[in-house]
Amino acid sequence: MTRDAEDLLILAWAAMSDRIFKRLGSLVPDPSIGSLVPEMVLHEPILPTQEEWDTAVARAKELFGVGSNEYHLSSAAVERLGQYGSKVKEYGPGVSRLVAALSEHASTLGLDETSSRLVSSRRAQDLFTAVNRAQSALEWVQVLAEFDLPAELPALGKTIASAAAVAASIDGAQWTLIDQLPTLGGDAAAEALAALRTTAAHDEMHDSLRPALVAASEAVTRILVARKPAAGEGEEAQRKAQEAAAEAKLRAEEQARLVEEQQKRIAEQQAALAEQQAQLQKEQAELALREAEAQRRVQETHTLQLKLAAQVNDLAQKLVEELQTPVEGKSLRVDWRWE
């Protein structure tokens, strides 16, 4: 039986019996034909309970859009589902920024510890912190299954997916104008503030925050421009109010531009990082292939029977080919005997 045939039988049996490969105590992910070496040992995997698995799969679908094709519990399925951890790394910075932005403007937005939007964003941040502490796919699955999450998972999933965009909207809002709403007085200001706070209290899935922020800043501008001078005030006071509103709008637009540029830089950095990670994975895969090829060559034995002196050239050519691609840390052994 050839080595490849042996590897095929071993890999097939491992897949049928749901066994994992370890080498010197470390997990060997996705071994292939030609990569098996004697140092590898088959182990029975440690799996989550069926209840943990079912819960984790349902949550992964709702929160991260992964796991829709997972139906049976196995070591390979656990490894695949555990890849939702890459989504956590992708969404993590946006979630953290959203929590900070909401907390920073909580007073104007009318948010407290029970507001759905703030509660959801903080819950997502706590989940991400727990996931980042996990060290294996099994732990990632168990964290997702055991974590205390709200019953309405689609709303939390929307909060996670839109966190970066919503945080950018908050950072780019015209807060110089919006922060004046609570002190302006009058029905128009009260209505605009109530509308903003109602939207801010709801989850993003039910009420988008960005249009409410834009509407609030526009309402303040209209109020300041339309407001008549009080008794004793002249046209100069009205002009100053208009200039202040215009200046505040310009500053807010500049801030929005800076935030947009920052988001663009972050996106470029993330793209560069993803490219670097892809290149690293490619290099690691190539290294694994080279190591597997080296192991295969080390274990191979070549025999060439010589009857004529001319066949020595063939032997020399094969030796030259071997020596042109040496196995690191090994020397080529050549034996001969008369039979």
Protein backbone atom coordinates (compact mmCIF):
# COMPACT_ATOMS: atom_id res chain seq x y z
CA MET A 1 0.00 0.00 0.00
CA THR A 2 1.37 3.42 -0.92
CA ARG A 3 1.79 6.19 1.65
CA ASP A 4 -0.99 8.23 0.01
CA ALA A 5 -3.37 5.28 0.20
CA GLU A 6 -2.51 4.83 3.88
CA ASP A 7 -3.17 8.53 4.54
CA LEU A 8 -6.48 8.31 2.70
CA LEU A 9 -7.67 5.40 4.83
CA ILE A 10 -6.56 7.07 8.07
CA LEU A 11 -8.21 10.40 7.19
CA ALA A 12 -11.42 8.65 6.14
CA TRP A 13 -11.58 6.69 9.39
CA ALA A 14 -10.85 9.84 11.41
CA ALA A 15 -13.69 11.67 9.65
CA MET A 16 -16.13 8.78 10.14
CA SER A 17 -15.30 8.40 13.83
CA ASP A 18 -14.96 12.17 14.44
CA ARG A 19 -11.38 12.11 15.66
CA ILE A 20 -8.89 14.98 15.67
CA PHE A 21 -5.15 14.90 15.01
CA LYS A 22 -2.60 16.18 17.48
CA ARG A 23 1.14 16.42 17.09
CA LEU A 24 3.24 16.79 20.22
CA GLY A 25 0.12 17.92 22.08
CA SER A 26 -0.87 20.60 19.53
CA LEU A 27 -3.96 20.41 17.33
CA VAL A 28 -3.28 19.77 13.64
CA PRO A 29 -6.06 21.52 11.68
CA ASP A 30 -7.25 19.97 8.42
CA PRO A 31 -4.46 17.45 7.72
CA SER A 32 -4.35 16.26 4.13
CA ILE A 33 -3.05 13.30 2.16
CA GLY A 34 0.73 13.34 2.25
CA SER A 35 0.93 15.40 5.46
CA LEU A 36 0.48 12.61 8.04
CA VAL A 37 3.57 11.70 10.04
CA PRO A 38 4.15 9.08 12.77
CA GLU A 39 4.23 11.78 15.49
CA MET A 40 0.54 12.53 14.92
CA VAL A 41 -1.93 10.90 17.30
CA LEU A 42 -5.70 10.58 16.96
CA HIS A 43 -7.79 11.89 19.86
CA GLU A 44 -11.47 11.88 20.66
CA PRO A 45 -12.50 15.56 20.64
CA ILE A 46 -14.04 17.44 23.57
CA LEU A 47 -17.36 18.77 22.32
CA PRO A 48 -20.01 21.09 23.76
CA THR A 49 -23.27 19.55 24.90
CA GLN A 50 -26.06 19.22 22.36
CA GLU A 51 -27.98 22.00 24.14
CA GLU A 52 -24.96 24.33 24.05
CA TRP A 53 -24.46 23.52 20.38
CA ASP A 54 -28.07 24.21 19.38
CA THR A 55 -28.08 27.51 21.28
CA ALA A 56 -24.74 28.64 19.84
CA VAL A 57 -25.78 27.82 16.26
CA ALA A 58 -29.05 29.75 16.62
CA ARG A 59 -27.27 32.77 18.10
CA ALA A 60 -24.45 32.73 15.55
CA LYS A 61 -27.03 32.87 12.74
CA GLU A 62 -28.90 35.80 14.28
CA LEU A 63 -25.93 37.86 15.46
CA PHE A 64 -23.20 37.21 12.88
CA GLY A 65 -24.86 35.53 9.91
CA VAL A 66 -22.77 32.35 10.21
CA GLY A 67 -23.60 28.72 10.91
CA SER A 68 -26.67 28.47 8.67
CA ASN A 69 -25.34 25.22 7.17
CA GLU A 70 -24.50 23.54 10.48
CA TYR A 71 -26.88 20.74 11.36
CA HIS A 72 -24.83 18.12 13.20
CA LEU A 73 -22.48 18.41 16.15
CA SER A 74 -18.93 17.32 15.34
CA SER A 75 -15.39 18.53 15.93
CA ALA A 76 -15.20 19.94 12.40
CA ALA A 77 -18.52 21.75 12.85
CA VAL A 78 -17.31 23.27 16.13
CA GLU A 79 -14.18 24.55 14.40
CA ARG A 80 -16.26 26.08 11.60
CA LEU A 81 -18.75 27.74 13.93
CA GLY A 82 -15.92 29.07 16.08
CA GLN A 83 -14.88 31.21 13.12
CA TYR A 84 -17.53 33.73 14.16
CA GLY A 85 -14.66 35.03 16.29
CA SER A 86 -13.38 36.77 13.13
CA LYS A 87 -16.66 38.68 12.98
CA VAL A 88 -16.14 39.78 16.58
CA LYS A 89 -12.74 41.20 15.66
CA GLU A 90 -14.27 42.95 12.65
CA TYR A 91 -17.16 44.55 14.55
CA GLY A 92 -15.38 45.10 17.88
CA PRO A 93 -13.95 48.61 17.27
CA GLY A 94 -17.30 49.88 16.00
CA VAL A 95 -19.18 48.52 19.02
CA SER A 96 -16.69 50.09 21.44
CA ARG A 97 -16.93 53.44 19.68
CA LEU A 98 -20.73 53.29 19.70
CA VAL A 99 -20.84 52.73 23.46
CA ALA A 100 -18.47 55.66 24.00
CA ALA A 101 -20.41 57.98 21.66
CA LEU A 102 -23.79 57.18 23.22
CA SER A 103 -22.39 57.67 26.72
CA GLU A 104 -20.78 60.97 25.74
CA HIS A 105 -24.07 62.44 24.47
CA ALA A 106 -26.42 60.57 26.82
CA SER A 107 -27.68 63.77 28.44
CA THR A 108 -28.90 65.42 25.24
CA LEU A 109 -30.17 62.10 23.84
CA GLY A 110 -32.06 61.42 27.05
CA LEU A 111 -30.42 58.01 27.56
CA ASP A 112 -30.26 56.24 30.92
CA GLU A 113 -29.22 52.79 32.11
CA THR A 114 -32.47 51.25 30.86
CA SER A 115 -32.54 52.75 27.35
CA SER A 116 -32.71 49.94 24.78
CA ARG A 117 -30.07 51.39 22.44
CA LEU A 118 -27.50 51.88 25.19
CA VAL A 119 -28.32 48.53 26.83
CA SER A 120 -27.92 46.67 23.52
CA SER A 121 -24.60 48.30 22.66
CA ARG A 122 -23.17 47.60 26.10
CA ARG A 123 -24.41 44.00 25.96
CA ALA A 124 -22.67 43.54 22.63
CA GLN A 125 -19.47 45.02 24.06
CA ASP A 126 -19.62 42.67 27.07
CA LEU A 127 -20.16 39.68 24.74
CA PHE A 128 -17.17 40.67 22.61
CA THR A 129 -15.00 40.99 25.71
CA ALA A 130 -15.95 37.47 26.81
CA VAL A 131 -15.36 36.05 23.32
CA ASN A 132 -11.92 37.66 23.09
CA ARG A 133 -10.92 35.91 26.31
CA ALA A 134 -11.68 32.48 24.80
CA GLN A 135 -8.74 30.44 23.51
CA SER A 136 -10.30 27.77 21.29
CA ALA A 137 -13.25 27.07 19.03
CA LEU A 138 -14.85 25.01 21.81
CA GLU A 139 -14.62 27.93 24.22
CA TRP A 140 -15.98 30.34 21.60
CA VAL A 141 -19.01 28.10 21.09
CA GLN A 142 -19.58 27.73 24.82
CA VAL A 143 -19.27 31.48 25.45
CA LEU A 144 -21.84 32.20 22.76
CA ALA A 145 -24.18 29.56 24.16
CA GLU A 146 -23.88 30.53 27.83
CA PHE A 147 -23.72 34.34 27.61
CA ASP A 148 -26.70 36.24 28.98
CA LEU A 149 -28.30 37.76 25.87
CA PRO A 150 -31.67 39.46 25.30
CA ALA A 151 -34.52 37.49 23.80
CA GLU A 152 -34.72 39.75 20.72
CA LEU A 153 -31.53 38.65 18.98
CA PRO A 154 -32.24 40.30 15.58
CA ALA A 155 -32.22 43.73 17.27
CA LEU A 156 -28.88 42.96 18.91
CA GLY A 157 -27.53 41.68 15.59
CA LYS A 158 -28.53 44.94 13.90
CA THR A 159 -26.85 46.90 16.69
CA ILE A 160 -23.62 44.93 16.15
CA ALA A 161 -23.62 45.15 12.35
CA SER A 162 -24.45 48.88 12.24
CA ALA A 163 -22.35 49.95 15.24
CA ALA A 164 -19.53 51.56 13.24
CA ALA A 165 -21.93 53.47 10.95
CA VAL A 166 -24.10 54.70 13.83
CA ALA A 167 -21.04 55.75 15.84
CA ALA A 168 -19.78 57.71 12.81
CA SER A 169 -23.18 59.41 12.53
CA ILE A 170 -23.03 60.44 16.19
CA ASP A 171 -19.46 61.69 15.89
CA GLY A 172 -20.34 63.66 12.76
CA ALA A 173 -23.58 65.19 14.09
CA GLN A 174 -23.82 68.96 14.64
CA TRP A 175 -23.66 68.82 18.41
CA THR A 176 -23.00 72.55 18.72
CA LEU A 177 -26.57 73.00 17.51
CA ILE A 178 -28.19 69.86 18.93
CA ASP A 179 -26.91 70.50 22.47
CA GLN A 180 -28.92 73.75 22.48
CA LEU A 181 -32.26 71.94 22.13
CA PRO A 182 -32.87 71.40 25.88
CA THR A 183 -32.37 75.12 26.62
CA LEU A 184 -34.04 76.80 23.64
CA GLY A 185 -37.57 76.61 24.99
CA GLY A 186 -40.74 76.82 22.94
CA ASP A 187 -42.96 74.20 21.36
CA ALA A 188 -40.80 73.66 18.28
CA ALA A 189 -37.69 72.94 20.34
CA ALA A 190 -39.63 70.68 22.72
CA GLU A 191 -41.07 68.68 19.81
CA ALA A 192 -37.68 68.32 18.12
CA LEU A 193 -36.03 67.21 21.38
CA ALA A 194 -38.81 64.71 22.11
CA ALA A 195 -38.51 63.21 18.62
CA LEU A 196 -34.73 62.89 18.94
CA ARG A 197 -34.91 61.26 22.38
CA THR A 198 -37.63 58.84 21.31
CA THR A 199 -35.50 57.64 18.41
CA ALA A 200 -32.34 57.50 20.54
CA ALA A 201 -34.07 55.31 23.13
CA HIS A 202 -35.05 52.67 20.53
CA ASP A 203 -32.75 50.04 19.01
CA GLU A 204 -31.33 50.81 15.59
CA MET A 205 -33.43 47.98 14.13
CA HIS A 206 -36.62 49.83 15.05
CA ASP A 207 -35.55 53.47 14.64
CA SER A 208 -32.52 54.76 12.72
CA LEU A 209 -30.59 57.41 14.66
CA ARG A 210 -28.82 59.25 11.84
CA PRO A 211 -31.96 60.86 10.27
CA ALA A 212 -33.08 61.94 13.74
CA LEU A 213 -29.75 63.69 14.38
CA VAL A 214 -29.95 65.50 11.04
CA ALA A 215 -33.55 66.53 11.72
CA ALA A 216 -32.65 67.83 15.20
CA SER A 217 -29.80 70.02 13.92
CA GLU A 218 -32.00 71.40 11.15
CA ALA A 219 -34.74 72.18 13.68
CA VAL A 220 -32.31 74.17 15.84
CA THR A 221 -31.11 76.12 12.82
CA ARG A 222 -34.68 77.02 11.84
CA ILE A 223 -35.54 78.06 15.40
CA LEU A 224 -32.47 80.30 15.73
CA VAL A 225 -33.01 81.93 12.37
CA ALA A 226 -36.75 82.48 12.81
CA ARG A 227 -36.68 83.60 16.43
CA LYS A 228 -37.56 87.30 16.84
CA PRO A 229 -35.39 89.50 19.04
CA ALA A 230 -36.63 89.94 22.59
CA ALA A 231 -37.65 93.38 23.88
CA GLY A 232 -34.71 95.76 23.82
CA GLU A 233 -32.79 93.67 21.29
CA GLY A 234 -32.21 94.96 17.80
CA GLU A 235 -31.12 93.67 14.47
CA GLU A 236 -27.57 93.21 15.77
CA ALA A 237 -28.69 90.46 18.19
CA GLN A 238 -30.59 88.72 15.40
CA ARG A 239 -27.56 88.92 13.12
CA LYS A 240 -25.27 87.44 15.79
CA ALA A 241 -27.68 84.57 16.37
CA GLN A 242 -27.70 83.80 12.66
CA GLU A 243 -23.91 84.01 12.46
CA ALA A 244 -23.57 81.72 15.47
CA ALA A 245 -25.91 79.18 13.88
CA ALA A 246 -24.02 79.35 10.57
CA GLU A 247 -20.65 79.00 12.32
CA ALA A 248 -21.90 76.04 14.32
CA LYS A 249 -23.11 74.38 11.15
CA LEU A 250 -19.73 74.89 9.47
CA ARG A 251 -17.90 73.40 12.45
CA ALA A 252 -20.24 70.42 12.46
CA GLU A 253 -19.71 69.88 8.72
CA GLU A 254 -15.95 70.05 9.23
CA GLN A 255 -16.21 67.53 12.05
CA ALA A 256 -18.30 65.23 9.85
CA ARG A 257 -15.65 65.51 7.12
CA LEU A 258 -12.88 64.63 9.58
CA VAL A 259 -14.87 61.65 10.86
CA GLU A 260 -15.43 60.47 7.29
CA GLU A 261 -11.71 60.72 6.57
CA GLN A 262 -10.93 58.85 9.76
CA GLN A 263 -13.40 56.10 8.85
CA LYS A 264 -11.78 55.89 5.41
CA ARG A 265 -8.32 55.55 6.97
CA ILE A 266 -9.59 52.87 9.33
CA ALA A 267 -11.15 50.99 6.42
CA GLU A 268 -7.87 51.20 4.48
CA GLN A 269 -5.93 49.98 7.51
CA GLN A 270 -8.35 47.10 8.00
CA ALA A 271 -8.04 46.18 4.33
CA ALA A 272 -4.25 46.25 4.58
CA LEU A 273 -4.38 44.14 7.73
CA ALA A 274 -6.68 41.62 6.05
CA GLU A 275 -4.27 41.44 3.11
CA GLN A 276 -1.35 40.87 5.47
CA GLN A 277 -3.27 38.16 7.30
CA ALA A 278 -4.14 36.47 4.01
CA GLN A 279 -0.49 36.59 2.95
CA LEU A 280 0.57 35.19 6.33
CA GLN A 281 -1.95 32.36 6.04
CA LYS A 282 -0.68 31.63 2.54
CA GLU A 283 2.92 31.54 3.77
CA GLN A 284 1.95 29.30 6.68
CA ALA A 285 0.14 26.93 4.31
CA GLU A 286 3.17 26.84 2.02
CA LEU A 287 5.43 26.19 5.02
CA ALA A 288 3.16 23.35 6.16
CA LEU A 289 3.30 21.84 2.67
CA ARG A 290 7.09 22.10 2.61
CA GLU A 291 7.32 20.47 6.03
CA ALA A 292 4.98 17.68 4.94
CA GLU A 293 7.00 17.16 1.76
CA ALA A 294 10.20 17.10 3.80
CA GLN A 295 8.74 14.49 6.15
CA ARG A 296 7.64 12.40 3.19
CA ARG A 297 11.07 12.54 1.62
CA VAL A 298 12.78 11.68 4.90
CA GLN A 299 10.70 8.51 5.20
CA GLU A 300 11.10 7.43 1.58
CA THR A 301 13.64 4.80 0.56
CA HIS A 302 14.91 4.72 -3.02
CA THR A 303 16.47 1.63 -4.57
CA LEU A 304 18.12 1.56 -7.99
CA GLN A 305 19.61 -1.69 -9.31
CA LEU A 306 22.69 -1.27 -11.49
CA LYS A 307 23.87 -3.82 -14.03
CA LEU A 308 25.75 -1.57 -16.42
CA ALA A 309 28.32 1.12 -15.76
CA ALA A 310 26.27 3.53 -17.90
CA GLN A 311 23.49 3.38 -15.34
CA VAL A 312 25.76 5.18 -12.88
CA ASN A 313 24.89 8.41 -14.72
CA ASP A 314 21.21 7.86 -13.90
CA LEU A 315 22.09 7.31 -10.26
CA ALA A 316 24.23 10.45 -10.18
CA GLN A 317 21.43 12.50 -11.75
CA LYS A 318 18.92 11.34 -9.11
CA LEU A 319 21.37 12.16 -6.31
CA VAL A 320 21.96 15.62 -7.78
CA GLU A 321 18.20 16.23 -7.92
CA GLU A 322 17.85 15.24 -4.26
CA LEU A 323 20.74 17.41 -3.15
CA GLN A 324 19.39 20.43 -5.03
CA THR A 325 16.41 20.47 -2.67
CA PRO A 326 17.89 19.35 0.67
CA VAL A 327 15.80 18.54 3.76
CA GLU A 328 16.71 20.99 6.52
CA GLY A 329 18.70 19.38 9.31
CA LYS A 330 19.16 16.12 7.39
CA SER A 331 21.97 14.60 5.34
CA LEU A 332 21.52 12.26 2.41
CA ARG A 333 22.57 8.69 3.12
CA VAL A 334 23.75 6.51 0.21
CA ASP A 335 24.19 2.70 0.60
CA TRP A 336 25.06 0.00 -1.89
CA ARG A 337 25.56 -3.78 -1.85
CA TRP A 338 25.98 -6.71 -4.21
CA GLU A 339 23.02 -9.03 -4.56
